[in-house]
């Protein structure tokens, strides 16, 4: 993804180096529990090996920072640019995504050597510019900050991908984390949202990806949005009522997927001797009814909403509800309020149950973390959107087709990476991502609407 075109204020050489070191170290800490063999496996085309993630984010800094600003630049290894380029056509040929698991060399250790060498060069470059050319450092800081957020995206993907890799191992290995105690769903509440002419998108102060811009106005009819995510227990009711067998609940393409791939439960669920089990990063155990359902596709989310007599919120409804609930932050960007924020700084590495209601008036729970939430919105550009020039502008704009928007973050999202305006996106049938469901429906009319009625 790409950043806003202007550099954020406040970065000096020392703070950039400190943040760079912190982000880079976190990636290595996520890879630390994995063997070299774990890091090489590609269990399906959507999954990338752990060592590929580690190398690709390093390639990003080498390509977009060092290659353009380091005196007497030379790549660490010529072929790495071919192996670890992801989607950047402007930068030349790249290795097939679906075949990344065939790359046994460089190994996980060699990728670590690559990372350390690029890290040292990055710190030297930033420190030198801080002493000799603060103007150039100010211009470069936007690209470096983009690299931080790009790496955080891959930290999340690394965890999603290794979850799938380990799920294919009959030994059921544990990556990390502890399981939540068994719990039951609490009552689902509803938050009334007035709607009207609202503003959507990032304000432009602080970091954002380009697809969060420009801020613009949208009209919203009054609506209600559920105060928490749909739970495993509620999903079991959907299954027991024939949810995966009733064609009338499904979009045509979704029904075709159900039949072609024999879907009958969420992605990581399996039935053994009449008991439904769920694979997680902290092991495989009976499905916990009070936790949010996860790893369901847009098609499944849409079918469940139809079964429940509700619908999915649009992305504008989701964002406006969060901001109206006081959880958008001053710039629509800083998560706060609404109880526990279950991002990847916790010990679960899995969605947790919604915190109990703390007051009589419902407020939104589970806004940030737990599960990325499917919306009814196709991933299209905002009015007036223009990608930046050059290779760095490729990632978002060219994917604005055949994808749906998700909001909020999940239990694998790095802390500091979630915000109210963040637009994640996946194809309709994707299930390996940590995605869940929040319902919506029409709300009570606004008081002012009565003024428009005929006497």
Protein backbone atom coordinates (compact mmCIF):
# COMPACT_ATOMS: atom_id res chain seq x y z
CA UNK A 1 0.00 0.00 0.00
CA UNK A 2 1.07 3.59 -0.40
CA UNK A 3 1.27 6.58 1.86
CA UNK A 4 -0.03 10.09 1.80
CA UNK A 5 2.18 12.24 -0.44
CA UNK A 6 3.34 14.66 2.23
CA UNK A 7 5.85 13.78 4.92
CA UNK A 8 4.51 13.76 8.47
CA UNK A 9 6.03 16.34 10.81
CA UNK A 10 8.11 15.46 13.82
CA UNK A 11 10.53 12.80 12.55
CA UNK A 12 14.17 13.36 13.36
CA UNK A 13 17.01 10.96 12.75
CA UNK A 14 17.00 9.51 16.25
CA UNK A 15 13.24 8.88 16.35
CA UNK A 16 13.29 7.34 12.87
CA UNK A 17 16.13 4.98 13.81
CA UNK A 18 14.40 4.02 17.05
CA UNK A 19 11.11 3.28 15.32
CA UNK A 20 12.86 1.43 12.50
CA UNK A 21 14.70 -0.76 15.01
CA UNK A 22 11.48 -1.45 16.94
CA UNK A 23 9.45 -2.48 13.88
CA UNK A 24 12.21 -4.63 12.44
CA UNK A 25 12.85 -6.38 15.76
CA UNK A 26 9.15 -7.21 16.13
CA UNK A 27 9.13 -9.07 12.82
CA UNK A 28 12.04 -11.19 14.00
CA UNK A 29 10.31 -11.88 17.31
CA UNK A 30 7.29 -13.22 15.41
CA UNK A 31 9.51 -15.53 13.38
CA UNK A 32 11.55 -16.69 16.38
CA UNK A 33 9.25 -19.59 17.46
CA UNK A 34 9.47 -21.10 13.95
CA UNK A 35 12.00 -23.57 12.63
CA UNK A 36 13.73 -22.99 9.28
CA UNK A 37 11.46 -25.68 7.85
CA UNK A 38 8.36 -23.88 9.18
CA UNK A 39 9.54 -20.71 7.48
CA UNK A 40 9.94 -22.33 4.06
CA UNK A 41 6.53 -23.98 3.61
CA UNK A 42 3.85 -22.51 1.33
CA UNK A 43 0.65 -24.39 2.09
CA UNK A 44 -1.53 -22.75 -0.59
CA UNK A 45 -1.11 -19.96 -3.19
CA UNK A 46 -2.55 -17.25 -0.88
CA UNK A 47 0.07 -18.08 1.78
CA UNK A 48 3.65 -16.85 1.60
CA UNK A 49 6.50 -18.51 3.51
CA UNK A 50 7.61 -16.72 6.67
CA UNK A 51 11.11 -16.18 5.33
CA UNK A 52 9.62 -14.59 2.18
CA UNK A 53 7.76 -12.04 4.33
CA UNK A 54 10.99 -11.29 6.22
CA UNK A 55 12.89 -10.83 2.97
CA UNK A 56 10.19 -8.87 1.11
CA UNK A 57 9.89 -6.12 3.74
CA UNK A 58 13.68 -5.87 3.68
CA UNK A 59 13.61 -5.60 -0.11
CA UNK A 60 11.17 -2.70 0.31
CA UNK A 61 13.67 -0.63 2.31
CA UNK A 62 16.53 -1.60 0.02
CA UNK A 63 14.53 -0.71 -3.11
CA UNK A 64 12.64 2.44 -2.13
CA UNK A 65 15.13 3.99 0.30
CA UNK A 66 18.69 2.73 -0.12
CA UNK A 67 18.67 2.39 -3.91
CA UNK A 68 17.52 5.98 -4.33
CA UNK A 69 19.47 7.70 -1.55
CA UNK A 70 22.54 5.68 -0.57
CA UNK A 71 25.80 6.86 -2.11
CA UNK A 72 27.50 4.16 -4.21
CA UNK A 73 24.49 1.89 -3.78
CA UNK A 74 24.81 -1.78 -4.70
CA UNK A 75 22.13 -4.41 -3.98
CA UNK A 76 22.88 -7.01 -1.36
CA UNK A 77 22.29 -9.73 -3.96
CA UNK A 78 21.13 -9.12 -7.52
CA UNK A 79 18.62 -11.99 -7.69
CA UNK A 80 16.91 -10.98 -4.44
CA UNK A 81 15.14 -8.19 -6.33
CA UNK A 82 13.58 -10.83 -8.59
CA UNK A 83 12.74 -13.24 -5.74
CA UNK A 84 11.27 -10.76 -3.28
CA UNK A 85 9.44 -8.22 -5.42
CA UNK A 86 5.72 -8.71 -4.82
CA UNK A 87 3.52 -6.81 -7.29
CA UNK A 88 5.60 -3.90 -8.59
CA UNK A 89 5.57 -4.19 -12.37
CA UNK A 90 7.54 -0.95 -12.73
CA UNK A 91 10.49 -2.57 -10.99
CA UNK A 92 10.80 -5.49 -13.38
CA UNK A 93 10.21 -9.21 -13.43
CA UNK A 94 9.28 -11.06 -10.25
CA UNK A 95 9.00 -14.66 -9.11
CA UNK A 96 5.55 -16.25 -9.23
CA UNK A 97 3.60 -15.80 -6.01
CA UNK A 98 2.15 -19.31 -6.11
CA UNK A 99 5.66 -20.82 -6.32
CA UNK A 100 7.32 -19.02 -3.40
CA UNK A 101 7.48 -22.28 -1.44
CA UNK A 102 9.90 -23.69 -4.01
CA UNK A 103 12.58 -21.19 -2.98
CA UNK A 104 14.64 -23.29 -0.59
CA UNK A 105 17.59 -20.92 -0.98
CA UNK A 106 18.22 -18.41 0.45
CA UNK A 107 17.30 -20.15 3.68
CA UNK A 108 15.85 -18.59 6.81
CA UNK A 109 19.36 -17.93 8.19
CA UNK A 110 20.50 -16.24 4.98
CA UNK A 111 17.41 -14.03 5.02
CA UNK A 112 18.43 -12.98 8.52
CA UNK A 113 21.85 -11.98 7.21
CA UNK A 114 20.14 -9.94 4.48
CA UNK A 115 17.94 -8.21 7.04
CA UNK A 116 20.83 -7.30 9.32
CA UNK A 117 22.91 -5.88 6.48
CA UNK A 118 20.08 -3.70 5.17
CA UNK A 119 19.22 -2.62 8.73
CA UNK A 120 22.76 -1.40 9.33
CA UNK A 121 22.79 0.52 6.06
CA UNK A 122 19.42 2.09 6.78
CA UNK A 123 20.53 3.28 10.22
CA UNK A 124 23.75 4.68 8.77
CA UNK A 125 21.85 6.54 6.02
CA UNK A 126 19.31 8.10 8.37
CA UNK A 127 21.95 9.06 10.94
CA UNK A 128 24.16 10.65 8.28
CA UNK A 129 21.30 12.64 6.76
CA UNK A 130 20.28 13.78 10.21
CA UNK A 131 23.73 15.29 10.68
CA UNK A 132 24.29 16.68 7.20
CA UNK A 133 21.01 17.18 5.31
CA UNK A 134 17.87 17.51 7.42
CA UNK A 135 15.89 18.69 4.38
CA UNK A 136 16.53 15.46 2.53
CA UNK A 137 15.69 13.48 5.64
CA UNK A 138 12.38 15.34 5.97
CA UNK A 139 11.46 14.33 2.41
CA UNK A 140 12.61 10.74 2.90
CA UNK A 141 10.79 10.27 6.21
CA UNK A 142 7.41 9.71 4.48
CA UNK A 143 8.81 6.74 2.55
CA UNK A 144 10.50 5.35 5.65
CA UNK A 145 7.28 5.65 7.65
CA UNK A 146 5.45 3.91 4.83
CA UNK A 147 8.00 1.12 5.23
CA UNK A 148 7.06 0.81 8.90
CA UNK A 149 3.38 0.36 8.09
CA UNK A 150 4.15 -1.93 5.16
CA UNK A 151 6.15 -4.16 7.48
CA UNK A 152 3.33 -4.14 10.03
CA UNK A 153 0.97 -5.38 7.33
CA UNK A 154 3.33 -8.26 6.69
CA UNK A 155 3.63 -8.98 10.41
CA UNK A 156 -0.11 -9.62 10.38
CA UNK A 157 0.11 -11.66 7.19
CA UNK A 158 3.01 -13.67 8.60
CA UNK A 159 0.77 -14.81 11.46
CA UNK A 160 -2.21 -15.54 9.21
CA UNK A 161 0.01 -17.53 6.87
CA UNK A 162 1.83 -19.59 9.48
CA UNK A 163 -1.55 -20.39 11.02
CA UNK A 164 -2.53 -22.08 7.78
CA UNK A 165 0.85 -23.81 7.45
CA UNK A 166 0.61 -25.32 10.95
CA UNK A 167 -3.03 -26.29 10.39
CA UNK A 168 -1.88 -28.75 7.71
CA UNK A 169 0.41 -30.57 10.13
CA UNK A 170 -1.27 -33.63 11.74
CA UNK A 171 0.85 -33.09 14.87
CA UNK A 172 -1.22 -29.93 15.52
CA UNK A 173 1.77 -27.82 16.59
CA UNK A 174 1.21 -24.71 18.71
CA UNK A 175 2.72 -21.42 17.60
CA UNK A 176 2.09 -19.23 20.66
CA UNK A 177 -0.60 -17.83 22.91
CA UNK A 178 -3.06 -19.20 25.42
CA UNK A 179 -6.64 -20.31 24.86
CA UNK A 180 -9.55 -18.35 26.33
CA UNK A 181 -11.74 -19.97 28.95
CA UNK A 182 -15.01 -21.39 27.65
CA UNK A 183 -17.76 -18.78 27.62
CA UNK A 184 -21.27 -18.22 26.29
CA UNK A 185 -22.44 -15.31 24.11
CA UNK A 186 -23.99 -12.37 25.92
CA UNK A 187 -27.05 -10.54 24.62
CA UNK A 188 -26.57 -8.72 21.35
CA UNK A 189 -27.23 -4.99 21.64
CA UNK A 190 -27.87 -2.36 18.98
CA UNK A 191 -26.51 1.14 18.58
CA UNK A 192 -28.81 3.63 16.83
CA UNK A 193 -27.00 5.94 14.41
CA UNK A 194 -28.71 9.03 13.08
CA UNK A 195 -27.03 9.15 9.68
CA UNK A 196 -27.33 12.20 7.46
CA UNK A 197 -24.63 13.93 5.44
CA UNK A 198 -21.37 12.69 6.98
CA UNK A 199 -17.66 12.92 6.24
CA UNK A 200 -15.69 9.76 5.56
CA UNK A 201 -11.95 9.17 5.10
CA UNK A 202 -8.72 10.27 6.69
CA UNK A 203 -8.27 13.93 7.58
CA UNK A 204 -4.71 13.96 6.33
CA UNK A 205 -3.00 14.67 9.66
CA UNK A 206 -0.70 11.78 10.42
CA UNK A 207 -0.07 8.65 8.42
CA UNK A 208 -2.60 7.00 6.15
CA UNK A 209 -2.52 4.80 3.07
CA UNK A 210 -3.59 6.51 -0.11
CA UNK A 211 -6.83 4.51 -0.34
CA UNK A 212 -8.10 6.28 2.81
CA UNK A 213 -8.08 9.59 0.90
CA UNK A 214 -9.51 12.00 0.04
CA UNK A 215 -11.94 12.77 2.82
CA UNK A 216 -15.37 13.26 1.32
CA UNK A 217 -19.07 13.45 2.11
CA UNK A 218 -21.63 10.67 1.91
CA UNK A 219 -25.33 10.51 2.69
CA UNK A 220 -26.43 7.82 5.15
CA UNK A 221 -29.99 6.88 6.01
CA UNK A 222 -30.67 6.18 9.71
CA UNK A 223 -29.43 2.73 10.70
CA UNK A 224 -28.56 0.43 13.56
CA UNK A 225 -25.33 -1.47 14.02
CA UNK A 226 -24.70 -4.41 16.35
CA UNK A 227 -22.69 -3.60 19.43
CA UNK A 228 -20.49 -6.73 19.10
CA UNK A 229 -19.38 -9.34 16.58
CA UNK A 230 -21.34 -12.48 15.70
CA UNK A 231 -20.24 -15.39 17.91
CA UNK A 232 -19.40 -19.03 17.32
CA UNK A 233 -22.54 -20.03 19.22
CA UNK A 234 -24.72 -17.94 16.92
CA UNK A 235 -22.94 -19.39 13.89
CA UNK A 236 -23.70 -22.91 15.15
CA UNK A 237 -27.39 -21.96 15.11
CA UNK A 238 -27.00 -20.87 11.50
CA UNK A 239 -25.35 -24.20 10.65
CA UNK A 240 -27.94 -26.27 12.51
CA UNK A 241 -30.71 -24.45 10.63
CA UNK A 242 -29.21 -25.60 7.33
CA UNK A 243 -27.28 -22.43 6.63
CA UNK A 244 -24.78 -24.13 4.33
CA UNK A 245 -27.52 -26.15 2.59
CA UNK A 246 -30.12 -23.46 1.83
CA UNK A 247 -29.48 -21.87 -1.54
CA UNK A 248 -31.97 -19.06 -0.88
CA UNK A 249 -29.59 -17.51 1.68
CA UNK A 250 -26.66 -17.19 -0.68
CA UNK A 251 -25.51 -14.96 -3.49
CA UNK A 252 -25.16 -16.98 -6.70
CA UNK A 253 -21.35 -16.90 -6.72
CA UNK A 254 -21.29 -17.78 -3.03
CA UNK A 255 -23.60 -20.76 -3.54
CA UNK A 256 -21.31 -21.97 -6.32
CA UNK A 257 -18.35 -21.78 -3.92
CA UNK A 258 -20.24 -23.64 -1.20
CA UNK A 259 -20.87 -26.51 -3.57
CA UNK A 260 -17.53 -26.49 -5.39
CA UNK A 261 -15.47 -26.48 -2.17
CA UNK A 262 -17.97 -28.29 0.08
CA UNK A 263 -18.16 -25.57 2.71
CA UNK A 264 -20.12 -26.59 5.78
CA UNK A 265 -18.44 -24.60 8.56
CA UNK A 266 -15.91 -21.76 9.03
CA UNK A 267 -12.46 -22.30 7.56
CA UNK A 268 -10.61 -23.76 10.57
CA UNK A 269 -13.48 -25.81 11.97
CA UNK A 270 -13.52 -29.60 11.71
CA UNK A 271 -15.94 -32.17 13.10
CA UNK A 272 -14.67 -35.22 14.97
CA UNK A 273 -17.07 -37.73 16.56
CA UNK A 274 -19.83 -35.13 16.58
CA UNK A 275 -17.68 -32.42 18.21
CA UNK A 276 -16.69 -29.28 16.33
CA UNK A 277 -13.04 -28.32 16.82
CA UNK A 278 -11.26 -25.11 15.83
CA UNK A 279 -7.59 -24.73 14.90
CA UNK A 280 -5.91 -21.63 16.34
CA UNK A 281 -2.34 -20.45 16.78
CA UNK A 282 -2.54 -21.70 20.37
CA UNK A 283 -3.75 -25.17 19.46
CA UNK A 284 -6.84 -27.10 18.37
CA UNK A 285 -9.75 -27.30 20.80
CA UNK A 286 -13.56 -27.53 20.89
CA UNK A 287 -15.26 -24.47 19.41
CA UNK A 288 -15.80 -21.86 22.13
CA UNK A 289 -19.37 -20.57 21.73
CA UNK A 290 -18.78 -17.11 23.24
CA UNK A 291 -15.88 -16.10 21.01
CA UNK A 292 -16.38 -14.24 17.71
CA UNK A 293 -16.73 -16.46 14.67
CA UNK A 294 -13.66 -16.03 12.49
CA UNK A 295 -12.21 -17.04 9.13
CA UNK A 296 -15.47 -16.71 7.23
CA UNK A 297 -15.72 -15.28 3.71
CA UNK A 298 -17.78 -12.34 2.53
CA UNK A 299 -20.17 -14.86 0.99
CA UNK A 300 -20.66 -16.56 4.36
CA UNK A 301 -21.04 -13.24 6.17
CA UNK A 302 -23.68 -12.14 3.67
CA UNK A 303 -25.55 -15.46 3.95
CA UNK A 304 -25.55 -15.30 7.75
CA UNK A 305 -26.86 -11.74 7.70
CA UNK A 306 -29.67 -12.80 5.34
CA UNK A 307 -30.51 -15.75 7.61
CA UNK A 308 -30.61 -13.41 10.63
CA UNK A 309 -32.90 -10.95 8.83
CA UNK A 310 -30.19 -8.29 8.90
CA UNK A 311 -27.44 -7.07 6.59
CA UNK A 312 -23.78 -6.07 6.63
CA UNK A 313 -22.93 -2.42 7.27
CA UNK A 314 -21.42 -0.36 4.48
CA UNK A 315 -17.90 0.87 5.16
CA UNK A 316 -19.19 4.43 5.53
CA UNK A 317 -21.78 3.26 8.07
CA UNK A 318 -19.09 1.38 9.99
CA UNK A 319 -16.72 4.35 10.08
CA UNK A 320 -19.41 6.89 10.96
CA UNK A 321 -20.77 4.67 13.75
CA UNK A 322 -17.30 4.28 15.25
CA UNK A 323 -16.60 8.02 15.13
CA UNK A 324 -20.07 8.85 16.49
CA UNK A 325 -19.45 6.39 19.33
CA UNK A 326 -16.35 8.35 20.34
CA UNK A 327 -13.89 5.69 19.19
CA UNK A 328 -12.51 7.38 16.09
CA UNK A 329 -9.82 9.50 17.70
CA UNK A 330 -9.13 13.16 17.03
CA UNK A 331 -8.06 12.41 13.47
CA UNK A 332 -10.25 9.38 12.94
CA UNK A 333 -7.17 7.40 13.73
CA UNK A 334 -6.44 6.54 17.37
CA UNK A 335 -8.26 3.53 18.86
CA UNK A 336 -9.63 4.15 22.32
CA UNK A 337 -12.63 3.33 24.45
CA UNK A 338 -15.07 0.49 23.96
CA UNK A 339 -13.37 -1.91 26.37
CA UNK A 340 -10.40 -4.19 25.68
CA UNK A 341 -8.62 -3.75 22.36
CA UNK A 342 -7.53 -7.24 21.29
CA UNK A 343 -4.68 -6.59 18.88
CA UNK A 344 -1.53 -8.67 18.56
CA UNK A 345 0.05 -7.32 21.75
CA UNK A 346 -2.02 -9.79 23.78
CA UNK A 347 -1.24 -13.42 24.60
CA UNK A 348 -4.20 -14.94 22.78
CA UNK A 349 -3.39 -14.50 19.05
CA UNK A 350 -7.12 -15.19 18.64
CA UNK A 351 -10.40 -13.30 18.98
CA UNK A 352 -11.73 -12.97 22.53
CA UNK A 353 -15.25 -12.58 23.90
CA UNK A 354 -16.81 -9.13 23.97
CA UNK A 355 -16.33 -7.30 27.25
CA UNK A 356 -19.55 -6.96 29.29
CA UNK A 357 -21.78 -3.94 28.86
CA UNK A 358 -20.54 -1.19 31.17
CA UNK A 359 -23.54 1.14 30.89
CA UNK A 360 -27.24 1.04 30.08
CA UNK A 361 -26.83 2.78 26.70
CA UNK A 362 -25.20 0.37 24.21
CA UNK A 363 -21.77 1.28 22.90
CA UNK A 364 -19.79 -0.46 20.21
CA UNK A 365 -17.58 -3.26 21.46
CA UNK A 366 -14.77 -5.09 19.65
CA UNK A 367 -14.21 -2.18 17.28
CA UNK A 368 -10.45 -2.61 17.00
CA UNK A 369 -8.95 -6.08 17.04
CA UNK A 370 -10.53 -9.53 17.31
CA UNK A 371 -11.68 -9.83 13.65
CA UNK A 372 -11.53 -7.78 10.49
CA UNK A 373 -15.19 -7.01 9.79
CA UNK A 374 -16.71 -7.56 6.37
CA UNK A 375 -18.71 -4.66 4.99
CA UNK A 376 -21.15 -4.53 2.10
CA UNK A 377 -18.87 -2.10 0.24
CA UNK A 378 -16.91 -3.02 -2.85
CA UNK A 379 -13.30 -1.86 -2.79
CA UNK A 380 -13.41 1.16 -5.08
CA UNK A 381 -11.53 4.47 -5.05
CA UNK A 382 -12.93 7.37 -3.09
CA UNK A 383 -14.11 10.33 -5.20
CA UNK A 384 -11.05 12.25 -6.35
CA UNK A 385 -8.57 9.45 -5.57
CA UNK A 386 -5.25 9.57 -7.43
CA UNK A 387 -2.41 7.11 -6.75
CA UNK A 388 1.08 8.58 -6.32
CA UNK A 389 3.45 8.60 -9.25
CA UNK A 390 5.95 5.80 -9.85
CA UNK A 391 6.30 2.26 -8.57
CA UNK A 392 5.27 3.11 -5.04
CA UNK A 393 1.79 3.99 -6.30
CA UNK A 394 1.07 0.53 -7.70
CA UNK A 395 -0.16 -1.38 -4.70
CA UNK A 396 -3.63 0.05 -4.06
CA UNK A 397 -5.14 1.56 -7.17
CA UNK A 398 -4.69 -1.41 -9.46
CA UNK A 399 -6.47 -3.74 -7.02
CA UNK A 400 -9.67 -1.70 -6.78
CA UNK A 401 -11.80 -4.37 -8.45
CA UNK A 402 -13.37 -7.68 -7.39
CA UNK A 403 -12.60 -7.10 -3.70
CA UNK A 404 -14.66 -6.19 -0.65
CA UNK A 405 -13.71 -3.79 2.16
CA UNK A 406 -13.10 -4.92 5.74
CA UNK A 407 -12.73 -2.61 8.72
CA UNK A 408 -11.38 -2.57 12.27
CA UNK A 409 -8.30 -4.80 12.58
CA UNK A 410 -7.94 -8.23 14.14
CA UNK A 411 -6.20 -10.18 16.88
CA UNK A 412 -3.11 -10.48 14.64
CA UNK A 413 -2.90 -6.75 13.77
CA UNK A 414 0.15 -5.02 15.31
CA UNK A 415 -0.62 -2.39 17.96
CA UNK A 416 -0.61 1.11 16.51
CA UNK A 417 -1.65 -0.13 13.07
CA UNK A 418 -5.45 0.08 13.42
CA UNK A 419 -7.55 3.20 12.87
CA UNK A 420 -11.13 4.10 12.02
CA UNK A 421 -10.35 4.99 8.40
CA UNK A 422 -8.20 1.94 7.56
CA UNK A 423 -9.56 0.10 4.48
CA UNK A 424 -8.49 -3.52 4.30
CA UNK A 425 -9.68 -5.58 1.34
CA UNK A 426 -9.92 -9.20 0.24
CA UNK A 427 -11.72 -11.14 -2.51
CA UNK A 428 -15.26 -12.31 -1.73
CA UNK A 429 -14.31 -15.96 -1.16
CA UNK A 430 -11.25 -15.39 1.07
CA UNK A 431 -11.38 -17.36 4.32
CA UNK A 432 -7.76 -17.64 5.51
CA UNK A 433 -7.72 -14.02 6.71
CA UNK A 434 -8.92 -13.42 10.29
CA UNK A 435 -12.31 -12.02 9.30
CA UNK A 436 -15.64 -11.90 11.13
CA UNK A 437 -19.11 -10.37 11.05
CA UNK A 438 -20.91 -7.39 12.57
CA UNK A 439 -24.57 -6.98 11.63
CA UNK A 440 -26.57 -3.88 10.74
CA UNK A 441 -30.09 -2.94 9.74
CA UNK A 442 -32.31 0.09 9.24
CA UNK A 443 -32.80 2.26 12.30
CA UNK A 444 -35.48 4.48 13.74
CA UNK A 445 -36.24 7.64 11.73
CA UNK A 446 -34.48 10.80 12.84
CA UNK A 447 -36.76 13.20 14.76
CA UNK A 448 -36.34 15.77 11.99
CA UNK A 449 -37.79 13.34 9.43
CA UNK A 450 -41.28 13.85 10.84
CA UNK A 451 -41.10 17.47 9.75
CA UNK A 452 -40.96 16.30 6.13
CA UNK A 453 -44.14 14.22 6.31
CA UNK A 454 -47.42 15.50 4.97
CA UNK A 455 -49.98 16.42 7.64
